Amino acid sequence: LKSTRRLELNTLSKPSRGQPPIVSMAEQPPAMRVGSLPGMVTLSDATLPESLVREYLDHLGLVAADLRPDLESLVRLQEAHVDRVAYENLDIHLPRPFRAPLDGVSSAIRVSKQHRGGYCFILVDAYSALLRCLGFSISLHCGSVGPEPIDPNNWGNHVVCLVHIDGRAYVSDVGLGDGPIRPFALQEASWCEEGFSFRLEDRSSGVWRFVHDATGAFPGFSMDVSSSARAVHEFERYHDFFCTSPDSQFKSTGVVLQRATPEGKLIMMSCTLKLKPPSSSGETAKVLKVVTSCEEWLQAMAENFGLQLDLTPDECLTMWESVLHYHSVWSQKMIVQTPNPVQPEL
């Protein structure tokens, strides 16, 4: 899918007399509300080689012999995944932008061998493939992250993984960045997890609404379980939009990394590393560090998110310049103020 760039006034011919002027238009995301399978269709076939499953579990600090296709094991798997596999959008900002393929094996290799993370499509692709190899039955559904009322163009900007155990469905989502760290049942409920307050509401006709904690990076997401996807690659067009479109939120926000910790959500936006505690604490996000050099930035990624980039020195500096640019743009919009702020330098 080729990206459609913004239409700039100076690149277009002048309108004829009497016609309205041509104005700049943003690319519309490729909305996807319905999967290829009607209803809630479970998938259980194993798609990863045994050796790759072992490496994946080793990266998560788990052993296959200790796991069963039950709720207790699912909790352990999701907790380990959100702790050890970062939510990140680095590929989009690399000097050589890279669009990760959406297939279970490639995504699992990325996580287990390259120790990389990703955003929802990549993370759910890898995680759902692992679950199936461990004997779980899963289903994949169209989601929409963002506020209500839902913008129709937002459907398909998220893929939701349901895990089916003993006749019940559980949302096990490792692709939200600062979402729940444990699975939750597909039923109306309000609950508190590590001080964060969540709610799930049935909106009828197969649509459910997850309402995030007041401190969440997004207000919530909706999912439509009236149809299912055969695989994550059905979301390919939205994945392409995120990676290539100048209107992609991942391009406009700059480099973002997130990981769940026992103390709260660890977030790095460009140069700023901060910890966001739950709303129940009554505390605001705390800036832990503002990195001031390329070396510090690479070190902060490795120490806090387990990420190491395979870049040449020149490529590292090019990416650091991009990080500095987004830091300059967004520093004034940060939720918290840094005492004695430090100005990063090249």
C-alpha atoms as a PDB file:
ATOM      1  CA  LEU A   1       0.000   0.000   0.000  1.00  0.00           C
ATOM      2  CA  LYS A   2       1.566   3.272  -1.085  1.00  0.00           C
ATOM      3  CA  SER A   3       1.454   6.160   1.320  1.00  0.00           C
ATOM      4  CA  THR A   4      -0.522   9.228   0.258  1.00  0.00           C
ATOM      5  CA  ARG A   5       1.351  12.352   1.289  1.00  0.00           C
ATOM      6  CA  ARG A   6      -0.242  15.602   2.409  1.00  0.00           C
ATOM      7  CA  LEU A   7      -1.334  17.837  -0.420  1.00  0.00           C
ATOM      8  CA  GLU A   8       0.626  21.069  -0.222  1.00  0.00           C
ATOM      9  CA  LEU A   9      -0.850  24.228  -1.747  1.00  0.00           C
ATOM     10  CA  ASN A  10       2.367  25.214  -3.495  1.00  0.00           C
ATOM     11  CA  THR A  11       2.615  21.874  -5.307  1.00  0.00           C
ATOM     12  CA  LEU A  12      -0.860  22.085  -6.838  1.00  0.00           C
ATOM     13  CA  SER A  13      -2.100  24.060  -9.809  1.00  0.00           C
ATOM     14  CA  LYS A  14      -4.124  27.141  -9.080  1.00  0.00           C
ATOM     15  CA  PRO A  15      -7.897  26.627  -9.098  1.00  0.00           C
ATOM     16  CA  SER A  16      -9.943  27.910 -12.016  1.00  0.00           C
ATOM     17  CA  ARG A  17     -11.812  31.182 -11.562  1.00  0.00           C
ATOM     18  CA  GLY A  18     -14.982  30.630  -9.545  1.00  0.00           C
ATOM     19  CA  GLN A  19     -13.773  27.357  -7.992  1.00  0.00           C
ATOM     20  CA  PRO A  20     -12.944  27.122  -4.281  1.00  0.00           C
ATOM     21  CA  PRO A  21      -9.223  26.926  -3.467  1.00  0.00           C
ATOM     22  CA  ILE A  22      -7.715  23.489  -2.936  1.00  0.00           C
ATOM     23  CA  VAL A  23      -6.787  23.022   0.690  1.00  0.00           C
ATOM     24  CA  SER A  24      -4.378  20.671   2.421  1.00  0.00           C
ATOM     25  CA  MET A  25      -5.918  17.295   3.292  1.00  0.00           C
ATOM     26  CA  ALA A  26      -4.749  14.625   5.721  1.00  0.00           C
ATOM     27  CA  GLU A  27      -4.636  11.003   4.703  1.00  0.00           C
ATOM     28  CA  GLN A  28      -7.526   8.956   6.061  1.00  0.00           C
ATOM     29  CA  PRO A  29      -6.549   5.781   7.965  1.00  0.00           C
ATOM     30  CA  PRO A  30      -7.683   2.503   6.355  1.00  0.00           C
ATOM     31  CA  ALA A  31     -10.483   1.640   8.806  1.00  0.00           C
ATOM     32  CA  MET A  32     -11.222  -2.033   9.498  1.00  0.00           C
ATOM     33  CA  ARG A  33     -14.323  -2.844  11.527  1.00  0.00           C
ATOM     34  CA  VAL A  34     -14.939  -6.455  10.453  1.00  0.00           C
ATOM     35  CA  GLY A  35     -12.556  -9.413  10.371  1.00  0.00           C
ATOM     36  CA  SER A  36     -12.650 -12.113   7.692  1.00  0.00           C
ATOM     37  CA  LEU A  37     -14.415 -14.627   9.963  1.00  0.00           C
ATOM     38  CA  PRO A  38     -17.998 -14.109  11.198  1.00  0.00           C
ATOM     39  CA  GLY A  39     -18.493 -14.529  14.931  1.00  0.00           C
ATOM     40  CA  MET A  40     -15.939 -15.364  17.611  1.00  0.00           C
ATOM     41  CA  VAL A  41     -13.694 -17.950  15.910  1.00  0.00           C
ATOM     42  CA  THR A  42     -10.895 -19.519  17.951  1.00  0.00           C
ATOM     43  CA  LEU A  43      -7.443 -20.388  16.632  1.00  0.00           C
ATOM     44  CA  SER A  44      -5.289 -23.037  18.268  1.00  0.00           C
ATOM     45  CA  ASP A  45      -2.785 -24.292  15.684  1.00  0.00           C
ATOM     46  CA  ALA A  46       0.893 -24.008  16.659  1.00  0.00           C
ATOM     47  CA  THR A  47       2.938 -21.961  14.192  1.00  0.00           C
ATOM     48  CA  LEU A  48       6.330 -21.550  15.906  1.00  0.00           C
ATOM     49  CA  PRO A  49       9.228 -24.059  15.926  1.00  0.00           C
ATOM     50  CA  GLU A  50       9.865 -25.616  19.340  1.00  0.00           C
ATOM     51  CA  SER A  51      13.320 -24.047  19.513  1.00  0.00           C
ATOM     52  CA  LEU A  52      11.817 -20.590  19.002  1.00  0.00           C
ATOM     53  CA  VAL A  53       9.204 -21.217  21.706  1.00  0.00           C
ATOM     54  CA  ARG A  54      12.011 -22.109  24.136  1.00  0.00           C
ATOM     55  CA  GLU A  55      13.947 -18.942  23.268  1.00  0.00           C
ATOM     56  CA  TYR A  56      10.811 -16.826  23.596  1.00  0.00           C
ATOM     57  CA  LEU A  57       9.998 -18.258  27.029  1.00  0.00           C
ATOM     58  CA  ASP A  58      13.630 -17.912  28.095  1.00  0.00           C
ATOM     59  CA  HIS A  59      13.452 -14.209  27.228  1.00  0.00           C
ATOM     60  CA  LEU A  60      10.327 -13.977  29.416  1.00  0.00           C
ATOM     61  CA  GLY A  61      12.039 -15.868  32.252  1.00  0.00           C
ATOM     62  CA  LEU A  62       9.614 -18.797  31.990  1.00  0.00           C
ATOM     63  CA  VAL A  63       9.839 -22.542  31.313  1.00  0.00           C
ATOM     64  CA  ALA A  64       7.344 -24.481  29.202  1.00  0.00           C
ATOM     65  CA  ALA A  65       7.196 -27.354  31.691  1.00  0.00           C
ATOM     66  CA  ASP A  66       5.779 -24.978  34.326  1.00  0.00           C
ATOM     67  CA  LEU A  67       2.956 -23.723  32.104  1.00  0.00           C
ATOM     68  CA  ARG A  68      -0.492 -25.096  31.310  1.00  0.00           C
ATOM     69  CA  PRO A  69      -3.276 -23.685  29.110  1.00  0.00           C
ATOM     70  CA  ASP A  70      -5.068 -22.303  32.164  1.00  0.00           C
ATOM     71  CA  LEU A  71      -5.768 -18.898  33.691  1.00  0.00           C
ATOM     72  CA  GLU A  72      -2.921 -19.072  36.193  1.00  0.00           C
ATOM     73  CA  SER A  73      -0.360 -19.625  33.439  1.00  0.00           C
ATOM     74  CA  LEU A  74      -1.943 -16.936  31.268  1.00  0.00           C
ATOM     75  CA  VAL A  75      -1.516 -14.433  34.095  1.00  0.00           C
ATOM     76  CA  ARG A  76       2.164 -15.392  34.416  1.00  0.00           C
ATOM     77  CA  LEU A  77       2.708 -15.067  30.673  1.00  0.00           C
ATOM     78  CA  GLN A  78       1.096 -11.654  30.353  1.00  0.00           C
ATOM     79  CA  GLU A  79       2.837 -10.261  33.440  1.00  0.00           C
ATOM     80  CA  ALA A  80       6.202 -11.422  32.106  1.00  0.00           C
ATOM     81  CA  HIS A  81       5.513 -10.093  28.625  1.00  0.00           C
ATOM     82  CA  VAL A  82       4.566  -6.546  29.625  1.00  0.00           C
ATOM     83  CA  ASP A  83       7.542  -6.476  31.985  1.00  0.00           C
ATOM     84  CA  ARG A  84      10.209  -7.742  29.573  1.00  0.00           C
ATOM     85  CA  VAL A  85       8.973  -6.718  26.117  1.00  0.00           C
ATOM     86  CA  ALA A  86       8.733  -2.974  25.628  1.00  0.00           C
ATOM     87  CA  TYR A  87       6.047  -1.089  23.773  1.00  0.00           C
ATOM     88  CA  GLU A  88       8.036   1.011  21.287  1.00  0.00           C
ATOM     89  CA  ASN A  89       7.898   2.710  17.897  1.00  0.00           C
ATOM     90  CA  LEU A  90      11.623   2.914  17.136  1.00  0.00           C
ATOM     91  CA  ASP A  91      11.378   1.348  13.660  1.00  0.00           C
ATOM     92  CA  ILE A  92       9.422   4.323  12.342  1.00  0.00           C
ATOM     93  CA  HIS A  93      12.142   6.792  13.404  1.00  0.00           C
ATOM     94  CA  LEU A  94      15.243   4.871  12.356  1.00  0.00           C
ATOM     95  CA  PRO A  95      17.543   6.492   9.782  1.00  0.00           C
ATOM     96  CA  ARG A  96      16.575   3.515   7.622  1.00  0.00           C
ATOM     97  CA  PRO A  97      12.857   3.191   8.488  1.00  0.00           C
ATOM     98  CA  PHE A  98      11.847  -0.430   8.852  1.00  0.00           C
ATOM     99  CA  ARG A  99       8.367  -1.894   8.498  1.00  0.00           C
ATOM    100  CA  ALA A 100       8.242  -5.123  10.510  1.00  0.00           C
ATOM    101  CA  PRO A 101       6.432  -7.994   8.738  1.00  0.00           C
ATOM    102  CA  LEU A 102       3.265  -9.290  10.382  1.00  0.00           C
ATOM    103  CA  ASP A 103       3.584 -13.036  10.711  1.00  0.00           C
ATOM    104  CA  GLY A 104       3.917 -15.013  13.905  1.00  0.00           C
ATOM    105  CA  VAL A 105       7.398 -16.389  13.258  1.00  0.00           C
ATOM    106  CA  SER A 106       8.959 -13.044  12.273  1.00  0.00           C
ATOM    107  CA  SER A 107       7.375 -11.258  15.233  1.00  0.00           C
ATOM    108  CA  ALA A 108       8.468 -13.996  17.665  1.00  0.00           C
ATOM    109  CA  ILE A 109      12.029 -13.856  16.316  1.00  0.00           C
ATOM    110  CA  ARG A 110      12.005 -10.098  16.807  1.00  0.00           C
ATOM    111  CA  VAL A 111      11.041 -10.495  20.475  1.00  0.00           C
ATOM    112  CA  SER A 112      13.066 -13.591  21.402  1.00  0.00           C
ATOM    113  CA  LYS A 113      16.252 -13.252  19.339  1.00  0.00           C
ATOM    114  CA  GLN A 114      16.530  -9.523  18.684  1.00  0.00           C
ATOM    115  CA  HIS A 115      15.083  -8.513  22.076  1.00  0.00           C
ATOM    116  CA  ARG A 116      12.947  -5.860  20.446  1.00  0.00           C
ATOM    117  CA  GLY A 117       9.404  -4.764  21.206  1.00  0.00           C
ATOM    118  CA  GLY A 118       6.882  -2.924  19.065  1.00  0.00           C
ATOM    119  CA  TYR A 119       3.360  -1.606  19.114  1.00  0.00           C
ATOM    120  CA  CYS A 120       0.080  -3.537  19.202  1.00  0.00           C
ATOM    121  CA  PHE A 121       0.176  -5.367  15.863  1.00  0.00           C
ATOM    122  CA  ILE A 122       3.738  -6.660  16.328  1.00  0.00           C
ATOM    123  CA  LEU A 123       3.396  -7.521  20.017  1.00  0.00           C
ATOM    124  CA  VAL A 124       0.024  -9.276  19.704  1.00  0.00           C
ATOM    125  CA  ASP A 125       1.263 -11.119  16.612  1.00  0.00           C
ATOM    126  CA  ALA A 126       4.185 -12.602  18.558  1.00  0.00           C
ATOM    127  CA  TYR A 127       2.298 -13.184  21.811  1.00  0.00           C
ATOM    128  CA  SER A 128      -0.746 -14.853  20.243  1.00  0.00           C
ATOM    129  CA  ALA A 129       1.536 -17.201  18.269  1.00  0.00           C
ATOM    130  CA  LEU A 130       3.318 -18.150  21.510  1.00  0.00           C
ATOM    131  CA  LEU A 131       0.022 -18.794  23.315  1.00  0.00           C
ATOM    132  CA  ARG A 132      -1.166 -21.150  20.587  1.00  0.00           C
ATOM    133  CA  CYS A 133       2.062 -23.133  20.820  1.00  0.00           C
ATOM    134  CA  LEU A 134       1.451 -23.529  24.568  1.00  0.00           C
ATOM    135  CA  GLY A 135      -2.004 -25.038  24.023  1.00  0.00           C
ATOM    136  CA  PHE A 136      -4.184 -21.938  24.393  1.00  0.00           C
ATOM    137  CA  SER A 137      -7.104 -21.176  22.081  1.00  0.00           C
ATOM    138  CA  ILE A 138      -7.232 -17.525  21.046  1.00  0.00           C
ATOM    139  CA  SER A 139      -9.298 -15.250  18.840  1.00  0.00           C
ATOM    140  CA  LEU A 140      -8.337 -11.929  17.244  1.00  0.00           C
ATOM    141  CA  HIS A 141     -10.688  -8.957  16.962  1.00  0.00           C
ATOM    142  CA  CYS A 142     -10.838  -5.421  15.578  1.00  0.00           C
ATOM    143  CA  GLY A 143     -10.252  -2.680  18.101  1.00  0.00           C
ATOM    144  CA  SER A 144     -10.347   1.095  18.240  1.00  0.00           C
ATOM    145  CA  VAL A 145      -8.084   2.958  20.669  1.00  0.00           C
ATOM    146  CA  GLY A 146      -9.215   6.499  21.405  1.00  0.00           C
ATOM    147  CA  PRO A 147     -12.028   8.591  22.848  1.00  0.00           C
ATOM    148  CA  GLU A 148     -15.755   8.190  22.407  1.00  0.00           C
ATOM    149  CA  PRO A 149     -17.708   8.715  20.268  1.00  0.00           C
ATOM    150  CA  ILE A 150     -15.504   6.499  18.116  1.00  0.00           C
ATOM    151  CA  ASP A 151     -14.160   7.988  14.926  1.00  0.00           C
ATOM    152  CA  PRO A 152     -15.087   5.398  12.250  1.00  0.00           C
ATOM    153  CA  ASN A 153     -11.583   5.773  10.797  1.00  0.00           C
ATOM    154  CA  ASN A 154     -10.089   4.535  14.075  1.00  0.00           C
ATOM    155  CA  TRP A 155     -11.564   1.037  13.795  1.00  0.00           C
ATOM    156  CA  GLY A 156      -8.692  -1.343  13.113  1.00  0.00           C
ATOM    157  CA  ASN A 157      -6.001   0.783  14.777  1.00  0.00           C
ATOM    158  CA  HIS A 158      -5.697  -1.973  17.392  1.00  0.00           C
ATOM    159  CA  VAL A 159      -5.939  -5.760  17.443  1.00  0.00           C
ATOM    160  CA  VAL A 160      -7.397  -7.413  20.555  1.00  0.00           C
ATOM    161  CA  CYS A 161      -6.447 -10.934  21.633  1.00  0.00           C
ATOM    162  CA  LEU A 162      -9.051 -12.990  23.503  1.00  0.00           C
ATOM    163  CA  VAL A 163      -7.981 -16.201  25.196  1.00  0.00           C
ATOM    164  CA  HIS A 164     -10.617 -18.905  25.691  1.00  0.00           C
ATOM    165  CA  ILE A 165     -10.344 -21.010  28.855  1.00  0.00           C
ATOM    166  CA  ASP A 166     -13.003 -23.355  30.237  1.00  0.00           C
ATOM    167  CA  GLY A 167     -15.805 -21.716  28.294  1.00  0.00           C
ATOM    168  CA  ARG A 168     -14.867 -18.151  29.201  1.00  0.00           C
ATOM    169  CA  ALA A 169     -13.102 -15.459  27.177  1.00  0.00           C
ATOM    170  CA  TYR A 170     -10.349 -13.284  28.640  1.00  0.00           C
ATOM    171  CA  VAL A 171      -8.801 -10.138  27.173  1.00  0.00           C
ATOM    172  CA  SER A 172      -5.037 -10.648  27.270  1.00  0.00           C
ATOM    173  CA  ASP A 173      -3.581  -7.506  25.717  1.00  0.00           C
ATOM    174  CA  VAL A 174       0.179  -6.964  25.657  1.00  0.00           C
ATOM    175  CA  GLY A 175       0.024  -4.250  23.000  1.00  0.00           C
ATOM    176  CA  LEU A 176      -1.254  -1.211  24.904  1.00  0.00           C
ATOM    177  CA  GLY A 177       1.910   0.161  26.484  1.00  0.00           C
ATOM    178  CA  ASP A 178       0.359   1.292  29.744  1.00  0.00           C
ATOM    179  CA  GLY A 179      -2.688  -0.996  29.852  1.00  0.00           C
ATOM    180  CA  PRO A 180      -3.531  -3.733  32.383  1.00  0.00           C
ATOM    181  CA  ILE A 181      -0.718  -6.112  33.247  1.00  0.00           C
ATOM    182  CA  ARG A 182      -3.072  -9.072  33.769  1.00  0.00           C
ATOM    183  CA  PRO A 183      -5.866 -10.625  31.676  1.00  0.00           C
ATOM    184  CA  PHE A 184      -9.470  -9.769  32.475  1.00  0.00           C
ATOM    185  CA  ALA A 185     -12.720 -11.593  31.705  1.00  0.00           C
ATOM    186  CA  LEU A 186     -14.988 -10.474  28.885  1.00  0.00           C
ATOM    187  CA  GLN A 187     -17.795  -9.410  31.209  1.00  0.00           C
ATOM    188  CA  GLU A 188     -18.978  -6.114  32.638  1.00  0.00           C
ATOM    189  CA  ALA A 189     -16.861  -5.223  35.634  1.00  0.00           C
ATOM    190  CA  SER A 190     -14.914  -2.532  37.447  1.00  0.00           C
ATOM    191  CA  TRP A 191     -11.650  -3.442  39.112  1.00  0.00           C
ATOM    192  CA  CYS A 192      -8.430  -2.082  40.518  1.00  0.00           C
ATOM    193  CA  GLU A 193      -5.001  -3.398  39.544  1.00  0.00           C
ATOM    194  CA  GLU A 194      -1.879  -2.166  41.328  1.00  0.00           C
ATOM    195  CA  GLY A 195      -3.723   1.069  42.123  1.00  0.00           C
ATOM    196  CA  PHE A 196      -4.986   1.648  38.566  1.00  0.00           C
ATOM    197  CA  SER A 197      -8.785   1.660  38.098  1.00  0.00           C
ATOM    198  CA  PHE A 198     -10.327  -0.010  35.037  1.00  0.00           C
ATOM    199  CA  ARG A 199     -13.807  -0.731  33.738  1.00  0.00           C
ATOM    200  CA  LEU A 200     -15.281  -2.957  31.014  1.00  0.00           C
ATOM    201  CA  GLU A 201     -18.699  -2.150  29.572  1.00  0.00           C
ATOM    202  CA  ASP A 202     -20.945  -4.131  27.195  1.00  0.00           C
ATOM    203  CA  ARG A 203     -22.113  -1.762  24.445  1.00  0.00           C
ATOM    204  CA  SER A 204     -24.268  -4.496  22.768  1.00  0.00           C
ATOM    205  CA  SER A 205     -24.079  -6.048  19.286  1.00  0.00           C
ATOM    206  CA  GLY A 206     -20.662  -7.521  20.077  1.00  0.00           C
ATOM    207  CA  VAL A 207     -19.019  -4.204  20.992  1.00  0.00           C
ATOM    208  CA  TRP A 208     -17.230  -3.837  24.340  1.00  0.00           C
ATOM    209  CA  ARG A 209     -15.595  -0.753  25.822  1.00  0.00           C
ATOM    210  CA  PHE A 210     -12.519  -0.781  28.066  1.00  0.00           C
ATOM    211  CA  VAL A 211     -12.285   2.404  30.147  1.00  0.00           C
ATOM    212  CA  HIS A 212      -8.762   3.277  31.256  1.00  0.00           C
ATOM    213  CA  ASP A 213      -7.511   4.723  34.533  1.00  0.00           C
ATOM    214  CA  ALA A 214      -7.665   8.514  34.777  1.00  0.00           C
ATOM    215  CA  THR A 215      -3.866   8.641  34.388  1.00  0.00           C
ATOM    216  CA  GLY A 216      -3.858   6.479  31.254  1.00  0.00           C
ATOM    217  CA  ALA A 217      -2.076   7.528  28.082  1.00  0.00           C
ATOM    218  CA  PHE A 218      -5.363   6.950  26.235  1.00  0.00           C
ATOM    219  CA  PRO A 219      -8.989   7.117  27.469  1.00  0.00           C
ATOM    220  CA  GLY A 220      -9.811   3.537  26.519  1.00  0.00           C
ATOM    221  CA  PHE A 221     -10.464   1.229  23.602  1.00  0.00           C
ATOM    222  CA  SER A 222     -13.447  -0.481  22.008  1.00  0.00           C
ATOM    223  CA  MET A 223     -13.495  -3.960  20.488  1.00  0.00           C
ATOM    224  CA  ASP A 224     -15.977  -5.693  18.223  1.00  0.00           C
ATOM    225  CA  VAL A 225     -16.155  -9.444  18.844  1.00  0.00           C
ATOM    226  CA  SER A 226     -18.959 -10.041  16.338  1.00  0.00           C
ATOM    227  CA  SER A 227     -16.258 -11.037  13.834  1.00  0.00           C
ATOM    228  CA  SER A 228     -12.716 -12.404  14.037  1.00  0.00           C
ATOM    229  CA  ALA A 229      -9.479 -12.164  12.073  1.00  0.00           C
ATOM    230  CA  ARG A 230      -7.653 -15.254  10.796  1.00  0.00           C
ATOM    231  CA  ALA A 231      -4.313 -13.645  11.653  1.00  0.00           C
ATOM    232  CA  VAL A 232      -2.804 -10.301  12.567  1.00  0.00           C
ATOM    233  CA  HIS A 233      -1.771  -9.733   8.957  1.00  0.00           C
ATOM    234  CA  GLU A 234      -5.398  -8.734   8.285  1.00  0.00           C
ATOM    235  CA  PHE A 235      -4.428  -5.450   9.946  1.00  0.00           C
ATOM    236  CA  GLU A 236      -1.628  -4.935   7.407  1.00  0.00           C
ATOM    237  CA  ARG A 237      -3.077  -1.763   5.875  1.00  0.00           C
ATOM    238  CA  TYR A 238      -3.320   0.024   9.243  1.00  0.00           C
ATOM    239  CA  HIS A 239       0.164  -1.217  10.114  1.00  0.00           C
ATOM    240  CA  ASP A 240       1.392   0.311   6.853  1.00  0.00           C
ATOM    241  CA  PHE A 241      -0.396   3.576   7.671  1.00  0.00           C
ATOM    242  CA  PHE A 242       1.286   3.756  11.087  1.00  0.00           C
ATOM    243  CA  CYS A 243       4.720   3.094   9.563  1.00  0.00           C
ATOM    244  CA  THR A 244       4.632   5.234   6.440  1.00  0.00           C
ATOM    245  CA  SER A 245       1.972   7.928   6.557  1.00  0.00           C
ATOM    246  CA  PRO A 246       2.993  11.479   7.542  1.00  0.00           C
ATOM    247  CA  ASP A 247      -0.349  11.563   9.392  1.00  0.00           C
ATOM    248  CA  SER A 248       0.562   8.590  11.591  1.00  0.00           C
ATOM    249  CA  GLN A 249       0.373   9.326  15.318  1.00  0.00           C
ATOM    250  CA  PHE A 250       3.614   7.388  15.756  1.00  0.00           C
ATOM    251  CA  LYS A 251       5.401   9.871  13.509  1.00  0.00           C
ATOM    252  CA  SER A 252       3.947  12.992  15.123  1.00  0.00           C
ATOM    253  CA  THR A 253       4.664  11.928  18.712  1.00  0.00           C
ATOM    254  CA  GLY A 254       8.307  11.045  18.140  1.00  0.00           C
ATOM    255  CA  VAL A 255      10.071   8.147  19.835  1.00  0.00           C
ATOM    256  CA  VAL A 256       7.943   6.560  22.577  1.00  0.00           C
ATOM    257  CA  LEU A 257       8.835   3.623  24.828  1.00  0.00           C
ATOM    258  CA  GLN A 258       6.656   2.172  27.601  1.00  0.00           C
ATOM    259  CA  ARG A 259       6.896  -0.672  30.080  1.00  0.00           C
ATOM    260  CA  ALA A 260       4.882  -1.768  33.103  1.00  0.00           C
ATOM    261  CA  THR A 261       6.692  -1.916  36.465  1.00  0.00           C
ATOM    262  CA  PRO A 262       5.519  -2.651  40.030  1.00  0.00           C
ATOM    263  CA  GLU A 263       5.830   1.075  40.813  1.00  0.00           C
ATOM    264  CA  GLY A 264       3.821   2.246  37.817  1.00  0.00           C
ATOM    265  CA  LYS A 265       4.213   2.804  34.091  1.00  0.00           C
ATOM    266  CA  LEU A 266       7.711   3.640  32.880  1.00  0.00           C
ATOM    267  CA  ILE A 267       7.610   5.970  29.874  1.00  0.00           C
ATOM    268  CA  MET A 268      10.333   7.489  27.741  1.00  0.00           C
ATOM    269  CA  MET A 269       9.284  10.229  25.318  1.00  0.00           C
ATOM    270  CA  SER A 270      12.228  11.379  23.247  1.00  0.00           C
ATOM    271  CA  CYS A 271      14.758  12.554  25.880  1.00  0.00           C
ATOM    272  CA  THR A 272      12.546  12.337  28.971  1.00  0.00           C
ATOM    273  CA  LEU A 273      12.244   9.265  31.175  1.00  0.00           C
ATOM    274  CA  LYS A 274       9.387   9.380  33.667  1.00  0.00           C
ATOM    275  CA  LEU A 275       7.399   7.120  35.965  1.00  0.00           C
ATOM    276  CA  LYS A 276       3.611   7.418  36.033  1.00  0.00           C
ATOM    277  CA  PRO A 277       2.079   6.174  39.313  1.00  0.00           C
ATOM    278  CA  PRO A 278      -1.534   4.965  39.572  1.00  0.00           C
ATOM    279  CA  SER A 279      -4.327   7.466  40.151  1.00  0.00           C
ATOM    280  CA  SER A 280      -4.991   5.962  43.583  1.00  0.00           C
ATOM    281  CA  SER A 281      -1.604   7.215  44.789  1.00  0.00           C
ATOM    282  CA  GLY A 282      -2.637  10.841  44.326  1.00  0.00           C
ATOM    283  CA  GLU A 283       0.810  11.520  42.902  1.00  0.00           C
ATOM    284  CA  THR A 284       1.706  13.003  39.539  1.00  0.00           C
ATOM    285  CA  ALA A 285       4.174  11.553  37.067  1.00  0.00           C
ATOM    286  CA  LYS A 286       7.776  11.890  38.166  1.00  0.00           C
ATOM    287  CA  VAL A 287      10.580  12.776  35.776  1.00  0.00           C
ATOM    288  CA  LEU A 288      13.433  10.371  36.455  1.00  0.00           C
ATOM    289  CA  LYS A 289      15.894  11.699  33.941  1.00  0.00           C
ATOM    290  CA  VAL A 290      16.325  13.949  30.928  1.00  0.00           C
ATOM    291  CA  VAL A 291      19.105  12.460  28.811  1.00  0.00           C
ATOM    292  CA  THR A 292      21.551  14.961  27.361  1.00  0.00           C
ATOM    293  CA  SER A 293      23.590  12.929  24.877  1.00  0.00           C
ATOM    294  CA  CYS A 294      23.252  10.135  22.375  1.00  0.00           C
ATOM    295  CA  GLU A 295      25.242   7.834  24.644  1.00  0.00           C
ATOM    296  CA  GLU A 296      22.919   8.533  27.578  1.00  0.00           C
ATOM    297  CA  TRP A 297      19.866   7.911  25.403  1.00  0.00           C
ATOM    298  CA  LEU A 298      21.134   4.533  24.207  1.00  0.00           C
ATOM    299  CA  GLN A 299      22.074   3.591  27.768  1.00  0.00           C
ATOM    300  CA  ALA A 300      18.646   4.590  29.122  1.00  0.00           C
ATOM    301  CA  MET A 301      16.925   2.430  26.498  1.00  0.00           C
ATOM    302  CA  ALA A 302      19.097  -0.571  27.327  1.00  0.00           C
ATOM    303  CA  GLU A 303      18.814  -0.261  31.113  1.00  0.00           C
ATOM    304  CA  ASN A 304      15.113   0.559  31.379  1.00  0.00           C
ATOM    305  CA  PHE A 305      13.591  -1.194  28.365  1.00  0.00           C
ATOM    306  CA  GLY A 306      16.102  -3.891  27.453  1.00  0.00           C
ATOM    307  CA  LEU A 307      16.545  -2.440  23.954  1.00  0.00           C
ATOM    308  CA  GLN A 308      19.732  -2.246  21.913  1.00  0.00           C
ATOM    309  CA  LEU A 309      19.757  -0.891  18.372  1.00  0.00           C
ATOM    310  CA  ASP A 310      21.957  -2.299  15.621  1.00  0.00           C
ATOM    311  CA  LEU A 311      23.086   1.023  14.156  1.00  0.00           C
ATOM    312  CA  THR A 312      26.339   2.506  12.893  1.00  0.00           C
ATOM    313  CA  PRO A 313      27.758   5.490  14.828  1.00  0.00           C
ATOM    314  CA  ASP A 314      26.581   7.883  12.087  1.00  0.00           C
ATOM    315  CA  GLU A 315      23.079   6.362  12.156  1.00  0.00           C
ATOM    316  CA  CYS A 316      22.978   6.712  15.941  1.00  0.00           C
ATOM    317  CA  LEU A 317      23.786  10.412  15.679  1.00  0.00           C
ATOM    318  CA  THR A 318      21.176  10.900  12.958  1.00  0.00           C
ATOM    319  CA  MET A 319      18.543   9.290  15.144  1.00  0.00           C
ATOM    320  CA  TRP A 320      19.662  11.331  18.145  1.00  0.00           C
ATOM    321  CA  GLU A 321      19.120  14.506  16.125  1.00  0.00           C
ATOM    322  CA  SER A 322      15.560  13.333  15.438  1.00  0.00           C
ATOM    323  CA  VAL A 323      15.030  12.592  19.137  1.00  0.00           C
ATOM    324  CA  LEU A 324      16.239  16.093  20.007  1.00  0.00           C
ATOM    325  CA  HIS A 325      13.835  17.595  17.501  1.00  0.00           C
ATOM    326  CA  TYR A 326      10.815  15.856  19.031  1.00  0.00           C
ATOM    327  CA  HIS A 327      12.036  16.691  22.536  1.00  0.00           C
ATOM    328  CA  SER A 328      12.079  20.363  21.598  1.00  0.00           C
ATOM    329  CA  VAL A 329       8.588  20.166  20.089  1.00  0.00           C
ATOM    330  CA  TRP A 330       6.959  18.289  22.933  1.00  0.00           C
ATOM    331  CA  SER A 331       8.866  19.361  26.055  1.00  0.00           C
ATOM    332  CA  GLN A 332       6.486  22.264  26.671  1.00  0.00           C
ATOM    333  CA  LYS A 333       3.488  19.945  26.472  1.00  0.00           C
ATOM    334  CA  MET A 334       4.655  17.417  29.056  1.00  0.00           C
ATOM    335  CA  ILE A 335       2.343  16.739  31.957  1.00  0.00           C
ATOM    336  CA  VAL A 336       4.984  17.341  34.586  1.00  0.00           C
ATOM    337  CA  GLN A 337       7.570  20.084  34.928  1.00  0.00           C
ATOM    338  CA  THR A 338      11.198  19.108  35.339  1.00  0.00           C
ATOM    339  CA  PRO A 339      12.865  20.894  38.234  1.00  0.00           C
ATOM    340  CA  ASN A 340      16.049  22.567  37.010  1.00  0.00           C
ATOM    341  CA  PRO A 341      15.500  21.346  33.436  1.00  0.00           C
ATOM    342  CA  VAL A 342      18.564  20.324  31.475  1.00  0.00           C
ATOM    343  CA  GLN A 343      18.891  21.228  27.799  1.00  0.00           C
ATOM    344  CA  PRO A 344      20.096  18.214  25.791  1.00  0.00           C
ATOM    345  CA  GLU A 345      22.939  18.851  23.362  1.00  0.00           C
ATOM    346  CA  LEU A 346      24.268  17.200  20.237  1.00  0.00           C
END
